[in-house]
Amino acid sequence: MDLDLHSPTRRLIELRIEHADLDDLIDRSVADPRADELSLRRLKKRRLALRDLIARLEAALEPPEPA
């Protein structure tokens, strides 16, 4: 078990969980006709930022391919 609370691997897991939570929240908001459009756009923007951050962290954690 990784005991380092600030390790890149742990951070990646936390970001993936937050991204999944946002996915669920966005899905529920889209289905709700009373949903606020501005809030929905902000949620989608945050989800996109998380996806970009996750991709950068994954790239940093993966060893480079040999030439």
PDB file of N, CA and C in Angstrom:
ATOM      1  N   MET A   1       0.843  -1.189   0.000  1.00  0.00           N
ATOM      2  CA  MET A   1       0.000   0.000   0.000  1.00  0.00           C
ATOM      3  C   MET A   1       0.881   1.242   0.000  1.00  0.00           C
ATOM      4  N   ASP A   2       0.504   2.210  -0.804  1.00  0.00           N
ATOM      5  CA  ASP A   2       1.270   3.437  -0.912  1.00  0.00           C
ATOM      6  C   ASP A   2       0.915   4.353   0.249  1.00  0.00           C
ATOM      7  N   LEU A   3       1.882   4.577   1.140  1.00  0.00           N
ATOM      8  CA  LEU A   3       1.628   5.392   2.319  1.00  0.00           C
ATOM      9  C   LEU A   3       1.910   6.869   2.074  1.00  0.00           C
ATOM     10  N   ASP A   4       2.536   7.191   0.957  1.00  0.00           N
ATOM     11  CA  ASP A   4       2.843   8.576   0.640  1.00  0.00           C
ATOM     12  C   ASP A   4       1.566   9.272   0.157  1.00  0.00           C
ATOM     13  N   LEU A   5       1.061  10.197   0.963  1.00  0.00           N
ATOM     14  CA  LEU A   5      -0.205  10.860   0.641  1.00  0.00           C
ATOM     15  C   LEU A   5      -0.092  11.835  -0.519  1.00  0.00           C
ATOM     16  N   HIS A   6       1.130  12.147  -0.934  1.00  0.00           N
ATOM     17  CA  HIS A   6       1.329  13.123  -2.002  1.00  0.00           C
ATOM     18  C   HIS A   6       2.021  12.510  -3.210  1.00  0.00           C
ATOM     19  N   SER A   7       1.942  11.203  -3.350  1.00  0.00           N
ATOM     20  CA  SER A   7       2.593  10.558  -4.481  1.00  0.00           C
ATOM     21  C   SER A   7       1.818  10.848  -5.768  1.00  0.00           C
ATOM     22  N   PRO A   8       2.514  10.876  -6.895  1.00  0.00           N
ATOM     23  CA  PRO A   8       1.828  11.102  -8.172  1.00  0.00           C
ATOM     24  C   PRO A   8       0.785  10.028  -8.474  1.00  0.00           C
ATOM     25  N   THR A   9       1.047   8.796  -8.082  1.00  0.00           N
ATOM     26  CA  THR A   9       0.098   7.711  -8.328  1.00  0.00           C
ATOM     27  C   THR A   9      -1.191   7.936  -7.540  1.00  0.00           C
ATOM     28  N   ARG A  10      -1.052   8.329  -6.300  1.00  0.00           N
ATOM     29  CA  ARG A  10      -2.240   8.597  -5.481  1.00  0.00           C
ATOM     30  C   ARG A  10      -3.016   9.794  -6.035  1.00  0.00           C
ATOM     31  N   ARG A  11      -2.291  10.818  -6.463  1.00  0.00           N
ATOM     32  CA  ARG A  11      -2.939  11.999  -7.043  1.00  0.00           C
ATOM     33  C   ARG A  11      -3.720  11.622  -8.297  1.00  0.00           C
ATOM     34  N   LEU A  12      -3.148  10.743  -9.103  1.00  0.00           N
ATOM     35  CA  LEU A  12      -3.809  10.286 -10.321  1.00  0.00           C
ATOM     36  C   LEU A  12      -5.111   9.554  -9.994  1.00  0.00           C
ATOM     37  N   ILE A  13      -5.079   8.716  -8.994  1.00  0.00           N
ATOM     38  CA  ILE A  13      -6.281   8.001  -8.567  1.00  0.00           C
ATOM     39  C   ILE A  13      -7.358   8.979  -8.095  1.00  0.00           C
ATOM     40  N   GLU A  14      -6.949   9.965  -7.310  1.00  0.00           N
ATOM     41  CA  GLU A  14      -7.905  10.956  -6.815  1.00  0.00           C
ATOM     42  C   GLU A  14      -8.532  11.746  -7.966  1.00  0.00           C
ATOM     43  N   LEU A  15      -7.723  12.104  -8.958  1.00  0.00           N
ATOM     44  CA  LEU A  15      -8.241  12.844 -10.103  1.00  0.00           C
ATOM     45  C   LEU A  15      -9.206  11.996 -10.918  1.00  0.00           C
ATOM     46  N   ARG A  16      -8.898  10.722 -11.075  1.00  0.00           N
ATOM     47  CA  ARG A  16      -9.804   9.831 -11.810  1.00  0.00           C
ATOM     48  C   ARG A  16     -11.142   9.694 -11.093  1.00  0.00           C
ATOM     49  N   ILE A  17     -11.115   9.631  -9.773  1.00  0.00           N
ATOM     50  CA  ILE A  17     -12.349   9.543  -8.992  1.00  0.00           C
ATOM     51  C   ILE A  17     -13.154  10.829  -9.146  1.00  0.00           C
ATOM     52  N   GLU A  18     -12.473  11.971  -9.069  1.00  0.00           N
ATOM     53  CA  GLU A  18     -13.169  13.252  -9.234  1.00  0.00           C
ATOM     54  C   GLU A  18     -13.776  13.359 -10.634  1.00  0.00           C
ATOM     55  N   HIS A  19     -13.044  12.883 -11.644  1.00  0.00           N
ATOM     56  CA  HIS A  19     -13.548  12.917 -13.023  1.00  0.00           C
ATOM     57  C   HIS A  19     -14.794  12.040 -13.150  1.00  0.00           C
ATOM     58  N   ALA A  20     -14.762  10.855 -12.558  1.00  0.00           N
ATOM     59  CA  ALA A  20     -15.924   9.965 -12.601  1.00  0.00           C
ATOM     60  C   ALA A  20     -17.117  10.584 -11.880  1.00  0.00           C
ATOM     61  N   ASP A  21     -16.871  11.234 -10.753  1.00  0.00           N
ATOM     62  CA  ASP A  21     -17.947  11.912 -10.029  1.00  0.00           C
ATOM     63  C   ASP A  21     -18.561  13.027 -10.873  1.00  0.00           C
ATOM     64  N   LEU A  22     -17.714  13.783 -11.562  1.00  0.00           N
ATOM     65  CA  LEU A  22     -18.219  14.843 -12.430  1.00  0.00           C
ATOM     66  C   LEU A  22     -19.033  14.266 -13.584  1.00  0.00           C
ATOM     67  N   ASP A  23     -18.568  13.149 -14.149  1.00  0.00           N
ATOM     68  CA  ASP A  23     -19.330  12.478 -15.210  1.00  0.00           C
ATOM     69  C   ASP A  23     -20.744  12.158 -14.731  1.00  0.00           C
ATOM     70  N   ASP A  24     -20.828  11.592 -13.547  1.00  0.00           N
ATOM     71  CA  ASP A  24     -22.123  11.222 -12.988  1.00  0.00           C
ATOM     72  C   ASP A  24     -22.993  12.460 -12.749  1.00  0.00           C
ATOM     73  N   LEU A  25     -22.405  13.490 -12.182  1.00  0.00           N
ATOM     74  CA  LEU A  25     -23.141  14.720 -11.906  1.00  0.00           C
ATOM     75  C   LEU A  25     -23.631  15.378 -13.202  1.00  0.00           C
ATOM     76  N   ILE A  26     -22.795  15.394 -14.216  1.00  0.00           N
ATOM     77  CA  ILE A  26     -23.178  15.971 -15.502  1.00  0.00           C
ATOM     78  C   ILE A  26     -24.308  15.161 -16.130  1.00  0.00           C
ATOM     79  N   ASP A  27     -24.203  13.844 -16.084  1.00  0.00           N
ATOM     80  CA  ASP A  27     -25.267  12.995 -16.638  1.00  0.00           C
ATOM     81  C   ASP A  27     -26.604  13.268 -15.960  1.00  0.00           C
ATOM     82  N   ARG A  28     -26.571  13.403 -14.633  1.00  0.00           N
ATOM     83  CA  ARG A  28     -27.812  13.680 -13.903  1.00  0.00           C
ATOM     84  C   ARG A  28     -28.338  15.080 -14.214  1.00  0.00           C
ATOM     85  N   SER A  29     -27.434  16.038 -14.385  1.00  0.00           N
ATOM     86  CA  SER A  29     -27.853  17.408 -14.689  1.00  0.00           C
ATOM     87  C   SER A  29     -28.464  17.517 -16.079  1.00  0.00           C
ATOM     88  N   VAL A  30     -27.907  16.793 -17.028  1.00  0.00           N
ATOM     89  CA  VAL A  30     -28.443  16.812 -18.390  1.00  0.00           C
ATOM     90  C   VAL A  30     -29.859  16.244 -18.406  1.00  0.00           C
ATOM     91  N   ALA A  31     -30.117  15.247 -17.593  1.00  0.00           N
ATOM     92  CA  ALA A  31     -31.432  14.611 -17.551  1.00  0.00           C
ATOM     93  C   ALA A  31     -32.472  15.463 -16.810  1.00  0.00           C
ATOM     94  N   ASP A  32     -32.011  16.427 -16.032  1.00  0.00           N
ATOM     95  CA  ASP A  32     -32.913  17.273 -15.246  1.00  0.00           C
ATOM     96  C   ASP A  32     -33.266  18.530 -16.034  1.00  0.00           C
ATOM     97  N   PRO A  33     -34.532  18.707 -16.382  1.00  0.00           N
ATOM     98  CA  PRO A  33     -34.919  19.894 -17.165  1.00  0.00           C
ATOM     99  C   PRO A  33     -34.753  21.206 -16.394  1.00  0.00           C
ATOM    100  N   ARG A  34     -34.648  21.129 -15.083  1.00  0.00           N
ATOM    101  CA  ARG A  34     -34.478  22.332 -14.266  1.00  0.00           C
ATOM    102  C   ARG A  34     -33.015  22.716 -14.077  1.00  0.00           C
ATOM    103  N   ALA A  35     -32.100  21.957 -14.666  1.00  0.00           N
ATOM    104  CA  ALA A  35     -30.674  22.190 -14.468  1.00  0.00           C
ATOM    105  C   ALA A  35     -30.252  23.551 -15.026  1.00  0.00           C
ATOM    106  N   ASP A  36     -29.368  24.187 -14.313  1.00  0.00           N
ATOM    107  CA  ASP A  36     -28.844  25.486 -14.702  1.00  0.00           C
ATOM    108  C   ASP A  36     -27.784  25.297 -15.790  1.00  0.00           C
ATOM    109  N   GLU A  37     -27.982  25.929 -16.927  1.00  0.00           N
ATOM    110  CA  GLU A  37     -27.084  25.773 -18.079  1.00  0.00           C
ATOM    111  C   GLU A  37     -25.672  26.276 -17.772  1.00  0.00           C
ATOM    112  N   LEU A  38     -25.553  27.373 -17.059  1.00  0.00           N
ATOM    113  CA  LEU A  38     -24.242  27.915 -16.716  1.00  0.00           C
ATOM    114  C   LEU A  38     -23.475  26.951 -15.814  1.00  0.00           C
ATOM    115  N   SER A  39     -24.142  26.396 -14.825  1.00  0.00           N
ATOM    116  CA  SER A  39     -23.502  25.419 -13.938  1.00  0.00           C
ATOM    117  C   SER A  39     -23.062  24.191 -14.710  1.00  0.00           C
ATOM    118  N   LEU A  40     -23.878  23.759 -15.636  1.00  0.00           N
ATOM    119  CA  LEU A  40     -23.543  22.594 -16.449  1.00  0.00           C
ATOM    120  C   LEU A  40     -22.298  22.868 -17.293  1.00  0.00           C
ATOM    121  N   ARG A  41     -22.213  24.048 -17.879  1.00  0.00           N
ATOM    122  CA  ARG A  41     -21.025  24.402 -18.667  1.00  0.00           C
ATOM    123  C   ARG A  41     -19.770  24.440 -17.793  1.00  0.00           C
ATOM    124  N   ARG A  42     -19.916  24.948 -16.574  1.00  0.00           N
ATOM    125  CA  ARG A  42     -18.764  24.994 -15.656  1.00  0.00           C
ATOM    126  C   ARG A  42     -18.316  23.587 -15.270  1.00  0.00           C
ATOM    127  N   LEU A  43     -19.278  22.698 -15.031  1.00  0.00           N
ATOM    128  CA  LEU A  43     -18.945  21.311 -14.703  1.00  0.00           C
ATOM    129  C   LEU A  43     -18.207  20.641 -15.864  1.00  0.00           C
ATOM    130  N   LYS A  44     -18.688  20.881 -17.076  1.00  0.00           N
ATOM    131  CA  LYS A  44     -18.046  20.284 -18.249  1.00  0.00           C
ATOM    132  C   LYS A  44     -16.636  20.838 -18.451  1.00  0.00           C
ATOM    133  N   LYS A  45     -16.455  22.124 -18.179  1.00  0.00           N
ATOM    134  CA  LYS A  45     -15.136  22.733 -18.306  1.00  0.00           C
ATOM    135  C   LYS A  45     -14.177  22.147 -17.268  1.00  0.00           C
ATOM    136  N   ARG A  46     -14.654  21.962 -16.057  1.00  0.00           N
ATOM    137  CA  ARG A  46     -13.828  21.367 -14.999  1.00  0.00           C
ATOM    138  C   ARG A  46     -13.472  19.927 -15.359  1.00  0.00           C
ATOM    139  N   ARG A  47     -14.434  19.177 -15.909  1.00  0.00           N
ATOM    140  CA  ARG A  47     -14.180  17.788 -16.306  1.00  0.00           C
ATOM    141  C   ARG A  47     -13.111  17.727 -17.395  1.00  0.00           C
ATOM    142  N   LEU A  48     -13.163  18.640 -18.341  1.00  0.00           N
ATOM    143  CA  LEU A  48     -12.166  18.687 -19.408  1.00  0.00           C
ATOM    144  C   LEU A  48     -10.786  19.019 -18.848  1.00  0.00           C
ATOM    145  N   ALA A  49     -10.729  19.958 -17.920  1.00  0.00           N
ATOM    146  CA  ALA A  49      -9.453  20.305 -17.291  1.00  0.00           C
ATOM    147  C   ALA A  49      -8.884  19.110 -16.529  1.00  0.00           C
ATOM    148  N   LEU A  50      -9.747  18.369 -15.852  1.00  0.00           N
ATOM    149  CA  LEU A  50      -9.303  17.175 -15.136  1.00  0.00           C
ATOM    150  C   LEU A  50      -8.759  16.131 -16.107  1.00  0.00           C
ATOM    151  N   ARG A  51      -9.443  15.948 -17.233  1.00  0.00           N
ATOM    152  CA  ARG A  51      -8.993  14.965 -18.221  1.00  0.00           C
ATOM    153  C   ARG A  51      -7.612  15.335 -18.748  1.00  0.00           C
ATOM    154  N   ASP A  52      -7.382  16.629 -18.987  1.00  0.00           N
ATOM    155  CA  ASP A  52      -6.065  17.076 -19.445  1.00  0.00           C
ATOM    156  C   ASP A  52      -4.994  16.851 -18.387  1.00  0.00           C
ATOM    157  N   LEU A  53      -5.319  17.146 -17.143  1.00  0.00           N
ATOM    158  CA  LEU A  53      -4.372  16.939 -16.053  1.00  0.00           C
ATOM    159  C   LEU A  53      -4.055  15.461 -15.868  1.00  0.00           C
ATOM    160  N   ILE A  54      -5.064  14.617 -15.973  1.00  0.00           N
ATOM    161  CA  ILE A  54      -4.866  13.167 -15.873  1.00  0.00           C
ATOM    162  C   ILE A  54      -3.940  12.689 -16.983  1.00  0.00           C
ATOM    163  N   ALA A  55      -4.148  13.174 -18.190  1.00  0.00           N
ATOM    164  CA  ALA A  55      -3.307  12.771 -19.326  1.00  0.00           C
ATOM    165  C   ALA A  55      -1.858  13.196 -19.104  1.00  0.00           C
ATOM    166  N   ARG A  56      -1.648  14.401 -18.575  1.00  0.00           N
ATOM    167  CA  ARG A  56      -0.275  14.864 -18.308  1.00  0.00           C
ATOM    168  C   ARG A  56       0.398  14.023 -17.227  1.00  0.00           C
ATOM    169  N   LEU A  57      -0.349  13.706 -16.183  1.00  0.00           N
ATOM    170  CA  LEU A  57       0.218  12.880 -15.108  1.00  0.00           C
ATOM    171  C   LEU A  57       0.541  11.475 -15.602  1.00  0.00           C
ATOM    172  N   GLU A  58      -0.343  10.901 -16.402  1.00  0.00           N
ATOM    173  CA  GLU A  58      -0.092   9.567 -16.947  1.00  0.00           C
ATOM    174  C   GLU A  58       1.153   9.570 -17.821  1.00  0.00           C
ATOM    175  N   ALA A  59       1.305  10.599 -18.631  1.00  0.00           N
ATOM    176  CA  ALA A  59       2.478  10.696 -19.493  1.00  0.00           C
ATOM    177  C   ALA A  59       3.760  10.834 -18.669  1.00  0.00           C
ATOM    178  N   ALA A  60       3.678  11.547 -17.564  1.00  0.00           N
ATOM    179  CA  ALA A  60       4.853  11.742 -16.707  1.00  0.00           C
ATOM    180  C   ALA A  60       5.213  10.451 -15.959  1.00  0.00           C
ATOM    181  N   LEU A  61       4.223   9.632 -15.644  1.00  0.00           N
ATOM    182  CA  LEU A  61       4.463   8.401 -14.882  1.00  0.00           C
ATOM    183  C   LEU A  61       4.927   7.239 -15.762  1.00  0.00           C
ATOM    184  N   GLU A  62       4.551   7.267 -17.043  1.00  0.00           N
ATOM    185  CA  GLU A  62       4.921   6.167 -17.927  1.00  0.00           C
ATOM    186  C   GLU A  62       6.355   6.350 -18.403  1.00  0.00           C
ATOM    187  N   PRO A  63       7.132   5.284 -18.410  1.00  0.00           N
ATOM    188  CA  PRO A  63       8.495   5.398 -18.917  1.00  0.00           C
ATOM    189  C   PRO A  63       8.479   5.644 -20.428  1.00  0.00           C
ATOM    190  N   PRO A  64       9.454   6.388 -20.935  1.00  0.00           N
ATOM    191  CA  PRO A  64       9.473   6.651 -22.380  1.00  0.00           C
ATOM    192  C   PRO A  64       9.727   5.376 -23.175  1.00  0.00           C
ATOM    193  N   GLU A  65       9.149   5.319 -24.371  1.00  0.00           N
ATOM    194  CA  GLU A  65       9.328   4.168 -25.263  1.00  0.00           C
ATOM    195  C   GLU A  65      10.755   4.156 -25.804  1.00  0.00           C
ATOM    196  N   PRO A  66      11.385   2.992 -25.858  1.00  0.00           N
ATOM    197  CA  PRO A  66      12.719   2.948 -26.454  1.00  0.00           C
ATOM    198  C   PRO A  66      12.640   3.194 -27.968  1.00  0.00           C
ATOM    199  N   ALA A  67      13.644   3.853 -28.481  1.00  0.00           N
ATOM    200  CA  ALA A  67      13.643   4.207 -29.916  1.00  0.00           C
ATOM    201  C   ALA A  67      13.917   3.018 -30.807  1.00  0.00           C
TER     202      ALA A  67
END
